[in-house]
Protein backbone atom coordinates (compact mmCIF):
# COMPACT_ATOMS: atom_id res chain seq x y z
CA MET A 1 0.00 0.00 0.00
CA ALA A 2 2.85 2.36 0.82
CA ARG A 3 4.34 1.77 -2.65
CA MET A 4 1.00 2.49 -4.33
CA ILE A 5 0.59 5.69 -2.31
CA ARG A 6 4.13 6.79 -3.17
CA GLU A 7 3.54 6.06 -6.88
CA LYS A 8 0.32 8.12 -6.91
CA VAL A 9 2.16 11.08 -5.41
CA GLU A 10 5.14 10.66 -7.76
CA ASP A 11 2.99 10.43 -10.91
CA GLY A 12 1.17 13.62 -9.93
CA SER A 13 -2.24 12.04 -9.33
CA PHE A 14 -2.18 13.42 -5.79
CA GLY A 15 -0.21 16.17 -4.08
CA SER A 16 0.62 14.18 -0.96
CA ALA A 17 0.25 10.80 0.69
CA SER A 18 -2.44 12.31 2.89
CA GLU A 19 -4.49 13.25 -0.19
CA VAL A 20 -4.24 9.68 -1.51
CA ILE A 21 -5.63 8.35 1.76
CA ARG A 22 -8.30 11.05 2.19
CA GLY A 23 -9.57 10.72 -1.39
CA PRO A 24 -11.54 7.48 -1.00
CA CYS A 25 -12.81 8.65 2.39
CA ALA A 26 -14.44 11.80 1.00
CA PRO A 27 -17.69 10.16 -0.22
CA PHE A 28 -18.10 8.37 3.11
CA SER A 29 -17.45 11.57 5.01
CA ALA A 30 -19.88 13.55 2.84
CA LYS A 31 -22.61 10.96 3.27
CA ARG A 32 -22.06 10.88 7.01
CA LYS A 33 -22.34 14.67 7.20
CA SER A 34 -25.54 14.65 5.12
CA MET A 35 -27.18 12.11 7.44
CA PRO A 36 -25.88 13.02 10.92
CA ASN A 37 -28.72 11.35 12.79
CA ALA A 38 -28.58 8.03 10.91
CA TRP A 39 -25.15 7.00 12.15
CA PRO A 40 -25.87 7.12 15.90
CA ARG A 41 -29.04 5.07 15.38
CA SER A 42 -27.11 2.48 13.37
CA GLY A 43 -24.40 2.37 16.01
CA ALA A 44 -27.00 1.89 18.72
CA ARG A 45 -28.54 -1.01 16.79
CA VAL A 46 -25.15 -2.65 16.31
CA THR A 47 -24.34 -2.22 19.99
CA ALA A 48 -27.70 -3.66 21.01
CA SER A 49 -27.15 -6.62 18.71
CA LEU A 50 -23.70 -7.30 20.13
CA GLU A 51 -25.03 -7.09 23.69
CA ASP A 52 -28.00 -9.39 22.99
CA LYS A 53 -27.67 -12.38 25.30
CA ARG A 54 -30.07 -14.61 23.38
CA PRO A 55 -28.42 -17.64 21.76
CA ALA A 56 -27.43 -17.32 18.13
CA VAL A 57 -29.72 -18.87 15.54
CA PRO A 58 -27.99 -21.31 13.16
CA LEU A 59 -27.83 -19.94 9.62
CA ASP A 60 -29.92 -22.71 8.04
CA GLU A 61 -32.62 -22.19 10.66
CA ALA A 62 -32.59 -18.41 10.06
CA ILE A 63 -32.89 -18.94 6.30
CA ASP A 64 -35.82 -21.33 6.81
CA LYS A 65 -37.57 -18.75 9.02
CA VAL A 66 -37.09 -16.02 6.42
CA LYS A 67 -38.37 -18.25 3.60
CA SER A 68 -41.38 -19.21 5.70
CA ARG A 69 -42.14 -15.55 6.46
CA ILE A 70 -41.84 -14.60 2.78
CA SER A 71 -44.22 -17.43 1.83
CA GLN A 72 -46.70 -16.30 4.49
CA LEU A 73 -46.56 -12.70 3.26
CA ALA A 74 -47.13 -13.88 -0.33
CA ARG A 75 -50.15 -15.95 0.77
CA ASP A 76 -51.55 -13.01 2.74
CA ASN A 77 -51.09 -10.76 -0.27
CA ASP A 78 -52.80 -13.27 -2.56
CA ASP A 79 -55.72 -13.59 -0.11
CA SER A 80 -56.24 -9.83 0.12
CA ALA A 81 -55.98 -9.45 -3.67
CA SER A 82 -58.65 -12.12 -4.23
CA ARG A 83 -60.95 -10.47 -1.67
CA ARG A 84 -60.62 -7.12 -3.48
CA ARG A 85 -61.67 -8.76 -6.75
CA SER A 86 -64.74 -10.34 -5.17
């Protein structure tokens, strides 16, 4: 990485090593500034998830639950659509 940074400065793409490093961070920083309230909420959700003492759900079981929920939502949607046509 140091070589790549040095090359970018030497070929004139950037004025300094700091600019090379800050460049890719600019979009992230801009987005963060445009949504100041979203980041604390996300951080709070991550913290709550990490502190959750419930046992982890195995991946295959989680996938089965999601598939089941999607199927149920599709059935509910089909039922309400058929009632509207009646």
